[in-house]
N, C-alpha and C. Protein backbone atom coordinates (compact mmCIF):
# COMPACT_ATOMS: atom_id res chain seq x y z
N MET A 1 -72.42 -49.66 60.84
CA MET A 1 -72.64 -49.06 59.61
C MET A 1 -72.41 -47.53 59.26
N LEU A 2 -72.82 -46.90 60.28
CA LEU A 2 -72.54 -45.34 60.35
C LEU A 2 -70.94 -44.95 60.50
N GLN A 3 -70.31 -45.67 61.25
CA GLN A 3 -69.09 -45.45 61.49
C GLN A 3 -68.13 -45.69 60.16
N LYS A 4 -68.54 -46.81 59.53
CA LYS A 4 -67.96 -47.02 58.29
C LYS A 4 -68.15 -46.16 57.17
N LYS A 5 -69.37 -45.55 57.03
CA LYS A 5 -69.68 -44.51 55.94
C LYS A 5 -68.75 -43.03 56.35
N ILE A 6 -68.68 -42.80 57.60
CA ILE A 6 -68.07 -41.64 57.88
C ILE A 6 -66.43 -41.91 57.51
N ILE A 7 -65.97 -43.00 57.87
CA ILE A 7 -64.53 -43.22 57.44
C ILE A 7 -64.28 -43.16 55.90
N TRP A 8 -65.26 -43.84 55.30
CA TRP A 8 -65.20 -43.64 53.54
C TRP A 8 -65.27 -42.26 53.15
N LYS A 9 -66.15 -41.44 53.70
CA LYS A 9 -66.14 -40.06 53.33
C LYS A 9 -64.84 -39.35 53.79
N LEU A 10 -64.44 -39.58 54.78
CA LEU A 10 -63.13 -38.92 55.24
C LEU A 10 -62.05 -39.27 54.24
N ASN A 11 -62.00 -40.59 53.98
CA ASN A 11 -60.94 -40.91 52.99
C ASN A 11 -61.00 -40.33 51.61
N ILE A 12 -62.14 -40.05 50.98
CA ILE A 12 -62.33 -39.45 49.86
C ILE A 12 -61.78 -38.04 49.92
N ILE A 13 -62.15 -37.42 51.00
CA ILE A 13 -61.65 -35.93 51.11
C ILE A 13 -60.31 -35.77 51.31
N ASP A 14 -59.76 -36.89 52.14
CA ASP A 14 -58.27 -36.76 52.23
C ASP A 14 -57.60 -37.11 50.83
N LEU A 15 -58.11 -38.04 50.07
CA LEU A 15 -57.42 -38.23 48.85
C LEU A 15 -57.55 -37.04 47.85
N LEU A 16 -58.71 -36.26 47.99
CA LEU A 16 -58.77 -35.06 47.03
C LEU A 16 -57.78 -34.01 47.57
N LEU A 17 -57.69 -33.84 48.89
CA LEU A 17 -56.74 -32.88 49.33
C LEU A 17 -55.27 -33.27 49.05
N ILE A 18 -54.94 -34.64 49.19
CA ILE A 18 -53.57 -34.93 48.72
C ILE A 18 -53.33 -34.96 47.15
N VAL A 19 -54.26 -35.12 46.36
CA VAL A 19 -54.23 -34.88 44.92
C VAL A 19 -53.97 -33.45 44.64
N ILE A 20 -54.64 -32.48 45.31
CA ILE A 20 -54.63 -30.93 45.18
C ILE A 20 -53.18 -30.58 45.70
N ILE A 21 -52.75 -31.00 46.62
CA ILE A 21 -51.34 -30.78 47.27
C ILE A 21 -50.40 -31.14 46.30
N LEU A 22 -50.41 -32.31 45.89
CA LEU A 22 -49.49 -32.99 44.81
C LEU A 22 -49.34 -32.04 43.71
N LEU A 23 -50.48 -31.86 43.09
CA LEU A 23 -50.54 -31.01 41.91
C LEU A 23 -49.92 -29.58 41.98
N SER A 24 -50.29 -28.99 43.13
CA SER A 24 -49.71 -27.77 43.39
C SER A 24 -48.32 -27.72 43.56
N ILE A 25 -47.72 -28.76 44.30
CA ILE A 25 -46.27 -29.04 44.41
C ILE A 25 -45.56 -29.17 43.07
N LEU A 26 -46.08 -30.14 42.13
CA LEU A 26 -45.63 -30.45 40.90
C LEU A 26 -45.67 -29.17 40.03
N ALA A 27 -46.74 -28.24 40.27
CA ALA A 27 -46.59 -27.11 39.46
C ALA A 27 -45.69 -26.13 39.85
N LEU A 28 -45.35 -25.87 41.24
CA LEU A 28 -44.14 -25.03 41.67
C LEU A 28 -42.91 -25.59 41.27
N ILE A 29 -42.60 -26.99 41.24
CA ILE A 29 -41.39 -27.53 40.86
C ILE A 29 -41.14 -27.24 39.31
N TYR A 30 -42.30 -27.45 38.51
CA TYR A 30 -42.04 -27.17 37.08
C TYR A 30 -41.71 -25.64 36.86
N LYS A 31 -42.48 -24.70 37.59
CA LYS A 31 -42.25 -23.35 37.35
C LYS A 31 -40.70 -23.01 37.71
N SER A 32 -40.44 -23.44 38.95
CA SER A 32 -38.95 -23.26 39.37
C SER A 32 -37.92 -23.65 38.40
N VAL A 33 -38.18 -24.88 37.97
CA VAL A 33 -37.13 -25.65 37.04
C VAL A 33 -37.11 -24.79 35.65
N SER A 34 -38.33 -24.49 35.15
CA SER A 34 -38.20 -23.83 33.76
C SER A 34 -37.68 -22.46 33.91
N GLY A 35 -37.99 -21.81 35.05
CA GLY A 35 -37.40 -20.42 35.42
C GLY A 35 -35.93 -20.46 35.46
N SER A 36 -35.45 -21.46 36.23
CA SER A 36 -33.97 -21.51 36.38
C SER A 36 -33.24 -22.01 35.03
N GLY A 37 -33.97 -22.75 34.14
CA GLY A 37 -33.47 -23.08 32.81
C GLY A 37 -33.26 -21.89 31.99
N ASP A 38 -34.31 -20.81 32.09
CA ASP A 38 -34.02 -19.66 31.18
C ASP A 38 -32.91 -18.87 31.78
N GLU A 39 -32.62 -18.87 32.99
CA GLU A 39 -31.51 -17.99 33.71
C GLU A 39 -30.18 -18.87 33.29
N SER A 40 -30.15 -20.07 33.23
CA SER A 40 -28.93 -20.81 33.14
C SER A 40 -28.52 -20.56 31.54
N GLU A 41 -29.48 -20.35 30.70
CA GLU A 41 -29.00 -19.93 29.33
C GLU A 41 -28.24 -18.66 29.11
N TYR A 42 -28.49 -17.76 29.89
CA TYR A 42 -27.62 -16.54 29.96
C TYR A 42 -26.22 -16.64 30.30
N ARG A 43 -25.44 -16.22 29.59
CA ARG A 43 -24.03 -16.26 29.95
C ARG A 43 -23.24 -15.16 29.39
N GLU A 44 -21.99 -14.83 29.63
CA GLU A 44 -21.21 -13.78 29.11
C GLU A 44 -20.63 -13.99 27.76
N TYR A 45 -20.96 -13.10 26.89
CA TYR A 45 -20.29 -13.20 25.43
C TYR A 45 -19.43 -12.01 25.28
N THR A 46 -18.36 -12.42 24.48
CA THR A 46 -17.51 -11.09 24.05
C THR A 46 -17.82 -10.81 22.52
N LEU A 47 -18.21 -9.65 22.18
CA LEU A 47 -18.61 -9.27 20.95
C LEU A 47 -17.59 -8.15 20.42
N SER A 48 -17.33 -8.27 19.11
CA SER A 48 -16.49 -7.32 18.33
C SER A 48 -17.29 -6.60 17.30
N TYR A 49 -17.26 -5.30 17.36
CA TYR A 49 -17.93 -4.38 16.29
C TYR A 49 -16.78 -3.78 15.44
N VAL A 50 -16.98 -3.58 14.35
CA VAL A 50 -16.13 -2.88 13.24
C VAL A 50 -16.75 -1.73 12.77
N CYS A 51 -16.08 -0.50 12.97
CA CYS A 51 -16.48 0.69 12.33
C CYS A 51 -15.36 1.08 11.31
N GLU A 52 -16.05 0.99 9.97
CA GLU A 52 -15.01 0.97 8.93
C GLU A 52 -14.52 2.53 8.85
N SER A 53 -15.27 3.55 9.04
CA SER A 53 -14.85 4.79 9.00
C SER A 53 -15.72 5.70 9.72
N ALA A 54 -15.13 6.73 10.40
CA ALA A 54 -15.85 7.66 11.36
C ALA A 54 -14.80 8.88 11.52
N PRO A 55 -15.31 10.00 11.65
CA PRO A 55 -14.37 11.26 11.98
C PRO A 55 -13.54 10.85 13.35
N ILE A 56 -12.26 11.19 13.09
CA ILE A 56 -11.31 10.57 14.07
C ILE A 56 -11.60 11.39 15.31
N ARG A 57 -12.00 12.75 15.30
CA ARG A 57 -12.32 13.27 16.74
C ARG A 57 -13.35 12.78 17.65
N LEU A 58 -14.24 11.93 16.98
CA LEU A 58 -15.43 11.22 17.55
C LEU A 58 -14.68 10.15 18.71
N PHE A 59 -13.51 9.56 18.40
CA PHE A 59 -13.00 8.54 19.21
C PHE A 59 -12.34 9.22 20.43
N ASP A 60 -12.18 10.39 20.47
CA ASP A 60 -11.77 11.03 21.78
C ASP A 60 -12.76 11.39 22.69
N THR A 61 -14.08 11.05 22.43
CA THR A 61 -15.10 11.31 23.22
C THR A 61 -15.57 10.12 24.01
N ILE A 62 -14.91 8.81 23.76
CA ILE A 62 -15.35 7.55 24.29
C ILE A 62 -14.38 7.05 25.27
N ASN A 63 -14.67 6.28 26.29
CA ASN A 63 -13.64 5.67 27.17
C ASN A 63 -14.06 4.19 27.47
N GLN A 64 -13.17 3.50 27.76
CA GLN A 64 -13.38 1.94 28.39
C GLN A 64 -14.22 2.06 29.55
N GLY A 65 -15.22 1.04 29.54
CA GLY A 65 -16.17 0.89 30.75
C GLY A 65 -17.44 1.44 30.43
N GLU A 66 -17.60 2.19 29.20
CA GLU A 66 -18.86 2.98 28.99
C GLU A 66 -19.89 1.96 28.67
N LEU A 67 -21.18 2.21 28.82
CA LEU A 67 -22.12 1.40 28.37
C LEU A 67 -22.45 1.59 26.83
N CYS A 68 -22.74 0.41 26.16
CA CYS A 68 -23.04 0.42 24.71
C CYS A 68 -24.54 0.02 24.54
N ILE A 69 -25.09 0.84 23.71
CA ILE A 69 -26.53 0.59 23.50
C ILE A 69 -26.77 0.50 21.90
N ASP A 70 -27.72 -0.41 21.62
CA ASP A 70 -28.23 -0.68 20.17
C ASP A 70 -29.09 0.59 20.05
N GLY A 71 -28.49 1.36 18.96
CA GLY A 71 -29.56 2.51 18.69
C GLY A 71 -30.74 2.37 18.01
N ALA A 72 -31.12 1.17 17.58
CA ALA A 72 -32.39 0.84 16.92
C ALA A 72 -33.26 0.40 18.08
N THR A 73 -32.83 -0.48 18.85
CA THR A 73 -33.91 -0.98 19.72
C THR A 73 -33.75 -0.51 21.35
N GLY A 74 -32.60 0.10 21.44
CA GLY A 74 -32.42 0.68 22.98
C GLY A 74 -31.99 -0.44 23.91
N ASP A 75 -31.57 -1.65 23.44
CA ASP A 75 -30.97 -2.70 24.32
C ASP A 75 -29.50 -2.35 24.69
N GLU A 76 -29.31 -2.68 25.89
CA GLU A 76 -27.95 -2.53 26.38
C GLU A 76 -27.20 -3.86 25.83
N VAL A 77 -26.22 -3.53 25.07
CA VAL A 77 -25.47 -4.60 24.27
C VAL A 77 -24.03 -4.63 24.83
N GLY A 78 -23.79 -4.32 26.22
CA GLY A 78 -22.56 -4.63 26.81
C GLY A 78 -21.78 -3.35 27.25
N GLU A 79 -20.72 -3.79 27.94
CA GLU A 79 -19.86 -2.72 28.40
C GLU A 79 -18.66 -2.61 27.49
N LEU A 80 -18.20 -1.44 27.22
CA LEU A 80 -17.02 -1.43 26.37
C LEU A 80 -15.61 -1.81 26.85
N THR A 81 -15.06 -2.85 26.67
CA THR A 81 -13.78 -3.16 27.52
C THR A 81 -12.50 -2.87 26.69
N ASP A 82 -12.50 -2.56 25.43
CA ASP A 82 -11.29 -2.29 24.57
C ASP A 82 -11.80 -1.65 23.33
N PHE A 83 -11.07 -0.77 22.78
CA PHE A 83 -11.22 -0.43 21.33
C PHE A 83 -9.82 0.10 20.79
N GLU A 84 -9.73 -0.36 19.36
CA GLU A 84 -8.45 0.10 18.77
C GLU A 84 -8.92 0.81 17.61
N VAL A 85 -8.07 2.04 17.56
CA VAL A 85 -8.30 2.90 16.45
C VAL A 85 -7.18 2.96 15.46
N THR A 86 -7.41 2.95 14.15
CA THR A 86 -6.43 3.03 13.19
C THR A 86 -6.80 4.18 12.29
N PRO A 87 -5.88 5.20 12.23
CA PRO A 87 -6.20 6.42 11.21
C PRO A 87 -6.21 5.91 9.74
N ILE A 88 -7.01 6.73 9.05
CA ILE A 88 -6.99 6.29 7.52
C ILE A 88 -6.37 7.52 6.96
N PHE A 89 -5.08 7.12 6.28
CA PHE A 89 -4.42 8.14 5.48
C PHE A 89 -4.83 8.14 4.01
N GLU A 90 -5.04 9.33 3.63
CA GLU A 90 -5.42 9.47 2.21
C GLU A 90 -4.31 10.19 1.45
N TYR A 91 -3.70 9.36 0.70
CA TYR A 91 -2.56 9.75 -0.01
C TYR A 91 -3.07 10.41 -1.33
N VAL A 92 -2.52 11.54 -1.63
CA VAL A 92 -2.77 12.41 -2.80
C VAL A 92 -1.71 12.13 -3.80
N PRO A 93 -2.02 11.55 -4.96
CA PRO A 93 -1.06 11.20 -5.99
C PRO A 93 -0.40 12.39 -6.42
N LEU A 94 0.74 12.55 -6.84
CA LEU A 94 1.39 13.78 -7.47
C LEU A 94 0.98 13.80 -8.86
N PRO A 95 0.63 14.94 -9.41
CA PRO A 95 0.36 15.15 -10.91
C PRO A 95 1.58 14.76 -11.68
N GLU A 96 1.52 14.10 -12.79
CA GLU A 96 2.47 13.87 -13.50
C GLU A 96 2.60 14.94 -14.63
N THR A 97 3.79 15.49 -14.70
CA THR A 97 4.00 16.59 -15.73
C THR A 97 4.75 16.09 -16.89
N PRO A 98 4.25 16.40 -18.08
CA PRO A 98 4.85 15.89 -19.17
C PRO A 98 6.35 16.61 -19.45
N GLU A 99 7.11 15.94 -19.98
CA GLU A 99 8.46 16.43 -20.37
C GLU A 99 8.42 17.45 -21.50
N PRO A 100 8.79 18.71 -21.32
CA PRO A 100 8.67 19.74 -22.37
C PRO A 100 9.47 19.25 -23.61
N ALA A 101 8.70 19.49 -24.79
CA ALA A 101 9.56 19.18 -26.17
C ALA A 101 10.69 20.15 -26.43
N PRO A 102 11.72 19.81 -26.72
CA PRO A 102 12.80 20.78 -27.07
C PRO A 102 12.44 21.61 -28.33
N ASP A 103 12.83 22.92 -28.23
CA ASP A 103 12.62 23.91 -29.27
C ASP A 103 13.42 23.30 -30.48
N ARG A 104 12.85 23.52 -31.59
CA ARG A 104 13.63 23.25 -32.82
C ARG A 104 14.78 24.27 -33.13
N GLU A 105 14.39 25.61 -32.85
CA GLU A 105 15.37 26.53 -32.99
C GLU A 105 16.67 26.40 -32.27
N ASP A 106 16.32 25.92 -30.93
CA ASP A 106 17.65 25.51 -29.99
C ASP A 106 18.23 24.43 -30.56
N GLU A 107 17.64 23.42 -31.21
CA GLU A 107 18.37 22.13 -31.77
C GLU A 107 19.24 22.59 -32.86
N GLU A 108 18.68 23.54 -33.82
CA GLU A 108 19.27 23.99 -35.09
C GLU A 108 20.58 24.89 -34.65
N GLU A 109 20.43 25.70 -33.52
CA GLU A 109 21.61 26.49 -33.13
C GLU A 109 22.80 25.61 -32.48
N ILE A 110 22.33 24.51 -31.75
CA ILE A 110 23.32 23.48 -31.26
C ILE A 110 23.84 22.86 -32.25
N SER A 111 23.15 22.30 -33.44
CA SER A 111 23.86 21.56 -34.41
C SER A 111 24.85 22.59 -35.14
N GLU A 112 24.42 23.81 -35.42
CA GLU A 112 25.34 24.71 -36.25
C GLU A 112 26.57 25.02 -35.38
N ASN A 113 26.50 25.33 -34.01
CA ASN A 113 27.55 25.52 -33.21
C ASN A 113 28.47 24.28 -33.16
N SER A 114 27.89 23.05 -33.25
CA SER A 114 28.72 21.96 -33.06
C SER A 114 29.55 21.73 -34.27
N ASP A 115 29.14 22.08 -35.51
CA ASP A 115 29.83 22.10 -36.69
C ASP A 115 31.01 22.87 -36.64
N ASP A 116 30.67 24.14 -36.08
CA ASP A 116 31.92 25.21 -36.26
C ASP A 116 32.93 25.01 -35.17
N ASP A 117 32.63 24.39 -34.07
CA ASP A 117 33.40 24.39 -32.91
C ASP A 117 34.45 23.09 -33.03
N ASN A 118 35.61 23.30 -32.44
CA ASN A 118 36.73 22.07 -32.45
C ASN A 118 36.13 21.12 -31.32
N ALA A 119 37.06 20.12 -31.23
CA ALA A 119 36.79 19.02 -30.19
C ALA A 119 36.75 19.59 -28.63
N ASP A 120 37.52 20.53 -28.48
CA ASP A 120 37.63 20.99 -26.98
C ASP A 120 36.34 21.50 -26.85
N ASP A 121 35.75 22.41 -27.73
CA ASP A 121 34.62 23.11 -27.51
C ASP A 121 33.39 22.08 -27.34
N GLU A 122 33.60 21.12 -28.03
CA GLU A 122 32.40 20.08 -27.93
C GLU A 122 32.37 19.52 -26.63
N ASN A 123 33.61 19.10 -25.97
CA ASN A 123 33.53 18.53 -24.59
C ASN A 123 32.80 19.56 -23.76
N THR A 124 33.38 20.78 -23.82
CA THR A 124 32.75 21.89 -22.71
C THR A 124 31.22 21.93 -23.12
N GLU A 125 30.73 21.95 -24.23
CA GLU A 125 29.25 22.08 -24.54
C GLU A 125 28.57 20.73 -23.91
N ASP A 126 29.18 19.56 -24.14
CA ASP A 126 28.59 18.49 -23.64
C ASP A 126 28.24 18.53 -22.09
N SER A 127 29.34 19.04 -21.36
CA SER A 127 29.18 19.15 -19.97
C SER A 127 28.18 20.26 -19.75
N GLU A 128 28.17 21.22 -20.48
CA GLU A 128 27.02 22.39 -20.09
C GLU A 128 25.82 21.86 -20.49
N ASN A 129 25.73 21.13 -21.60
CA ASN A 129 24.25 20.54 -21.89
C ASN A 129 23.87 19.57 -20.81
N GLY A 130 24.70 18.66 -20.35
CA GLY A 130 24.32 17.74 -19.16
C GLY A 130 24.01 18.63 -17.80
N ASP A 131 24.61 19.62 -17.61
CA ASP A 131 24.14 20.55 -16.46
C ASP A 131 22.90 21.05 -16.53
N ASP A 132 22.60 21.65 -17.95
CA ASP A 132 21.28 22.17 -18.30
C ASP A 132 20.12 21.09 -18.16
N GLU A 133 20.52 20.00 -18.65
CA GLU A 133 19.45 18.75 -18.47
C GLU A 133 19.16 18.52 -17.16
N GLU A 134 20.08 18.40 -16.13
CA GLU A 134 19.91 18.21 -14.86
C GLU A 134 19.01 19.21 -14.06
N LEU A 135 19.33 20.42 -14.58
CA LEU A 135 18.47 21.51 -13.96
C LEU A 135 17.01 21.53 -14.53
N ARG A 136 16.92 21.26 -15.84
CA ARG A 136 15.62 21.05 -16.48
C ARG A 136 14.76 19.80 -15.66
N VAL A 137 15.34 18.87 -15.48
CA VAL A 137 14.77 17.72 -14.76
C VAL A 137 14.27 18.18 -13.40
N LYS A 138 15.16 18.78 -12.60
CA LYS A 138 14.76 19.16 -11.32
C LYS A 138 13.53 20.13 -11.35
N LYS A 139 13.78 21.18 -12.38
CA LYS A 139 12.45 22.24 -12.45
C LYS A 139 11.18 21.36 -12.65
N ASN A 140 11.27 20.52 -13.58
CA ASN A 140 10.00 19.73 -13.98
C ASN A 140 9.47 18.64 -12.87
N THR A 141 10.51 18.30 -12.04
CA THR A 141 9.90 17.21 -10.99
C THR A 141 9.27 17.99 -9.94
N PRO A 142 7.98 17.68 -9.74
CA PRO A 142 7.23 18.42 -8.70
C PRO A 142 7.67 17.94 -7.27
N ALA A 143 7.67 18.93 -6.35
CA ALA A 143 8.24 18.57 -5.01
C ALA A 143 7.21 17.78 -4.19
N PRO A 144 7.54 16.51 -3.55
CA PRO A 144 6.44 15.77 -2.95
C PRO A 144 5.58 16.61 -1.89
N LYS A 145 4.45 16.43 -1.99
CA LYS A 145 3.54 17.12 -1.05
C LYS A 145 3.46 16.34 0.37
N PRO A 146 3.47 17.08 1.41
CA PRO A 146 3.54 16.33 2.75
C PRO A 146 2.10 15.61 2.98
N THR A 147 2.23 14.49 3.61
CA THR A 147 0.95 13.68 3.80
C THR A 147 0.12 14.46 4.58
N PRO A 148 -1.27 14.78 4.31
CA PRO A 148 -2.03 15.41 5.14
C PRO A 148 -2.44 14.68 6.49
N GLU A 149 -2.76 15.42 7.43
CA GLU A 149 -3.11 14.77 8.80
C GLU A 149 -4.61 14.08 8.52
N PRO A 150 -4.66 12.63 9.15
CA PRO A 150 -5.83 12.01 8.79
C PRO A 150 -7.04 12.70 9.52
N THR A 151 -8.22 12.47 8.86
CA THR A 151 -9.35 13.24 9.42
C THR A 151 -10.37 12.17 9.83
N ARG A 152 -10.17 10.90 9.35
CA ARG A 152 -11.13 9.75 9.70
C ARG A 152 -10.24 8.60 10.11
N ALA A 153 -11.02 7.67 10.84
CA ALA A 153 -10.30 6.51 11.07
C ALA A 153 -11.21 5.09 11.21
N LYS A 154 -10.59 4.09 11.31
CA LYS A 154 -11.15 2.79 11.39
C LYS A 154 -11.15 2.26 12.79
N ALA A 155 -12.20 1.65 13.48
CA ALA A 155 -12.07 1.33 14.78
C ALA A 155 -12.62 -0.14 14.95
N VAL A 156 -12.14 -0.82 15.97
CA VAL A 156 -12.74 -2.11 16.43
C VAL A 156 -12.99 -2.18 17.89
N PHE A 157 -14.41 -2.21 18.17
CA PHE A 157 -14.88 -1.97 19.58
C PHE A 157 -15.11 -3.42 19.98
N THR A 158 -14.72 -3.66 21.42
CA THR A 158 -15.03 -5.05 22.02
C THR A 158 -15.79 -4.76 23.31
N THR A 159 -16.89 -5.65 23.39
CA THR A 159 -17.84 -5.45 24.57
C THR A 159 -18.02 -6.79 25.07
N THR A 160 -18.45 -6.81 26.46
CA THR A 160 -18.91 -8.10 27.16
C THR A 160 -20.44 -7.80 27.36
N VAL A 161 -21.24 -8.85 27.18
CA VAL A 161 -22.53 -8.71 27.51
C VAL A 161 -23.21 -10.15 27.85
N GLU A 162 -24.18 -10.01 28.77
CA GLU A 162 -25.04 -11.12 29.25
C GLU A 162 -25.85 -11.43 28.19
N ALA A 163 -25.90 -12.49 27.67
CA ALA A 163 -26.99 -12.87 26.52
C ALA A 163 -27.30 -14.33 26.56
N ALA A 164 -28.44 -14.79 25.78
CA ALA A 164 -28.75 -16.18 25.73
C ALA A 164 -28.32 -16.73 24.26
N LYS A 165 -28.02 -17.86 24.14
CA LYS A 165 -27.75 -18.55 22.86
C LYS A 165 -29.05 -18.58 22.02
N ALA A 166 -28.92 -18.05 20.67
CA ALA A 166 -29.91 -18.24 19.75
C ALA A 166 -29.50 -19.24 18.73
N GLU A 167 -30.49 -19.56 17.81
CA GLU A 167 -30.21 -20.63 16.77
C GLU A 167 -28.87 -20.20 15.89
N HIS A 168 -28.83 -18.88 15.54
CA HIS A 168 -27.82 -18.39 14.79
C HIS A 168 -26.92 -17.41 15.32
N GLY A 169 -27.27 -16.98 16.67
CA GLY A 169 -26.32 -15.92 17.25
C GLY A 169 -26.74 -15.92 18.75
N ILE A 170 -26.93 -14.77 19.05
CA ILE A 170 -27.38 -14.47 20.62
C ILE A 170 -28.43 -13.60 20.70
N ARG A 171 -29.20 -13.79 21.75
CA ARG A 171 -30.37 -13.21 21.98
C ARG A 171 -30.37 -12.29 23.33
N ILE A 172 -30.65 -10.90 23.15
CA ILE A 172 -30.68 -9.97 24.21
C ILE A 172 -32.01 -9.58 24.34
N ASN A 173 -32.61 -9.69 25.52
CA ASN A 173 -34.02 -9.55 25.59
C ASN A 173 -34.78 -10.30 24.51
N LYS A 174 -35.45 -9.74 23.67
CA LYS A 174 -36.28 -10.40 22.61
C LYS A 174 -35.52 -10.13 21.25
N ASN A 175 -34.46 -9.61 21.22
CA ASN A 175 -33.70 -9.21 19.99
C ASN A 175 -32.57 -10.30 19.68
N VAL A 176 -32.54 -10.60 18.57
CA VAL A 176 -31.46 -11.63 18.05
C VAL A 176 -30.25 -10.81 17.42
N TYR A 177 -29.09 -11.11 17.65
CA TYR A 177 -27.91 -10.49 16.91
C TYR A 177 -26.97 -11.48 16.54
N LEU A 178 -26.62 -11.22 15.16
CA LEU A 178 -25.97 -12.24 14.35
C LEU A 178 -24.60 -11.51 13.77
N ILE A 179 -23.50 -12.50 13.67
CA ILE A 179 -22.31 -12.00 13.08
C ILE A 179 -22.61 -11.42 11.55
N GLY A 180 -22.08 -10.24 11.38
CA GLY A 180 -22.24 -9.60 10.07
C GLY A 180 -23.36 -8.71 10.01
N GLN A 181 -24.36 -8.62 11.22
CA GLN A 181 -25.34 -7.73 11.19
C GLN A 181 -24.79 -6.29 11.38
N SER A 182 -25.43 -5.33 10.63
CA SER A 182 -25.12 -3.94 10.75
C SER A 182 -26.13 -3.30 11.82
N MET A 183 -25.61 -2.25 12.54
CA MET A 183 -26.29 -1.63 13.39
C MET A 183 -25.60 -0.35 13.87
N GLN A 184 -26.43 0.51 14.49
CA GLN A 184 -25.72 1.64 15.12
C GLN A 184 -25.58 1.66 16.55
N LEU A 185 -24.16 1.65 16.97
CA LEU A 185 -23.71 1.39 18.33
C LEU A 185 -23.68 2.78 19.02
N VAL A 186 -24.37 2.93 20.03
CA VAL A 186 -24.21 4.16 20.74
C VAL A 186 -23.34 3.94 22.02
N ILE A 187 -22.17 4.78 22.15
CA ILE A 187 -21.31 4.64 23.14
C ILE A 187 -21.18 5.91 23.86
N GLY A 188 -21.62 6.21 25.12
CA GLY A 188 -21.68 7.45 25.59
C GLY A 188 -22.58 8.26 24.99
N ASN A 189 -22.16 9.44 24.34
CA ASN A 189 -23.17 10.28 23.58
C ASN A 189 -22.74 10.25 22.01
N THR A 190 -22.14 9.17 21.80
CA THR A 190 -21.64 9.13 20.18
C THR A 190 -22.32 7.96 19.58
N VAL A 191 -22.63 8.16 18.26
CA VAL A 191 -23.19 6.92 17.66
C VAL A 191 -22.16 6.57 16.42
N PHE A 192 -21.97 5.19 16.37
CA PHE A 192 -21.27 4.71 15.26
C PHE A 192 -21.90 3.57 14.43
N ASP A 193 -21.79 3.83 13.00
CA ASP A 193 -22.21 2.75 12.23
C ASP A 193 -21.33 1.65 12.27
N VAL A 194 -21.78 0.46 12.63
CA VAL A 194 -20.83 -0.66 12.83
C VAL A 194 -21.41 -1.98 12.38
N TYR A 195 -20.71 -3.03 12.27
CA TYR A 195 -21.16 -4.45 12.06
C TYR A 195 -20.49 -5.41 13.00
N ILE A 196 -21.24 -6.39 13.33
CA ILE A 196 -20.77 -7.49 14.19
C ILE A 196 -19.81 -8.50 13.58
N SER A 197 -18.46 -8.36 13.97
CA SER A 197 -17.47 -8.97 13.10
C SER A 197 -17.16 -10.44 13.88
N ASP A 198 -17.33 -10.53 15.39
CA ASP A 198 -16.99 -11.77 16.07
C ASP A 198 -17.87 -11.80 17.31
N MET A 199 -18.10 -13.09 17.64
CA MET A 199 -19.02 -13.35 18.75
C MET A 199 -18.49 -14.70 19.38
N GLN A 200 -18.09 -14.55 20.66
CA GLN A 200 -17.44 -15.61 21.43
C GLN A 200 -17.93 -15.70 22.69
């Protein structure tokens, strides 16, 4: 009888130990699987940011390969792989100058002279009047102004970043980024007002 009781007690202890070991193993497996699942969600995305207008001299201060940071959150939003700058030319329209009205005295003199002169004189006057009219048109036509050097430019920045897929965009750390979202993009020591135009 004593021997049976000892075996029975040992079996209960063994069973408890086995259950504890199994639970701990299951907990470790669940933790490792859930952790690897989060890591597998992260992949490389290519983001495009559009800066509609900025002083053109600012684009000389940035280079490919620089780290890009969200100015509001401080998150690293990728490495600058490419950027395209398009100067903005501001065309100044030429002022329209009204054609001067002919003087009435000149018209009266021309009509009186035309009545007195013969046909040959009329031909010479017509040619002279034509030359005068050409000179008048040249004087009244303003010379085209040279196009000023552009002071501002539009740019498209392309970055690559490791991020997780979110419901409507991507997630970097705890922040979600969406197409069309406006933000301040810090590249090197320069800040640009941009919006996200593409996400692949």
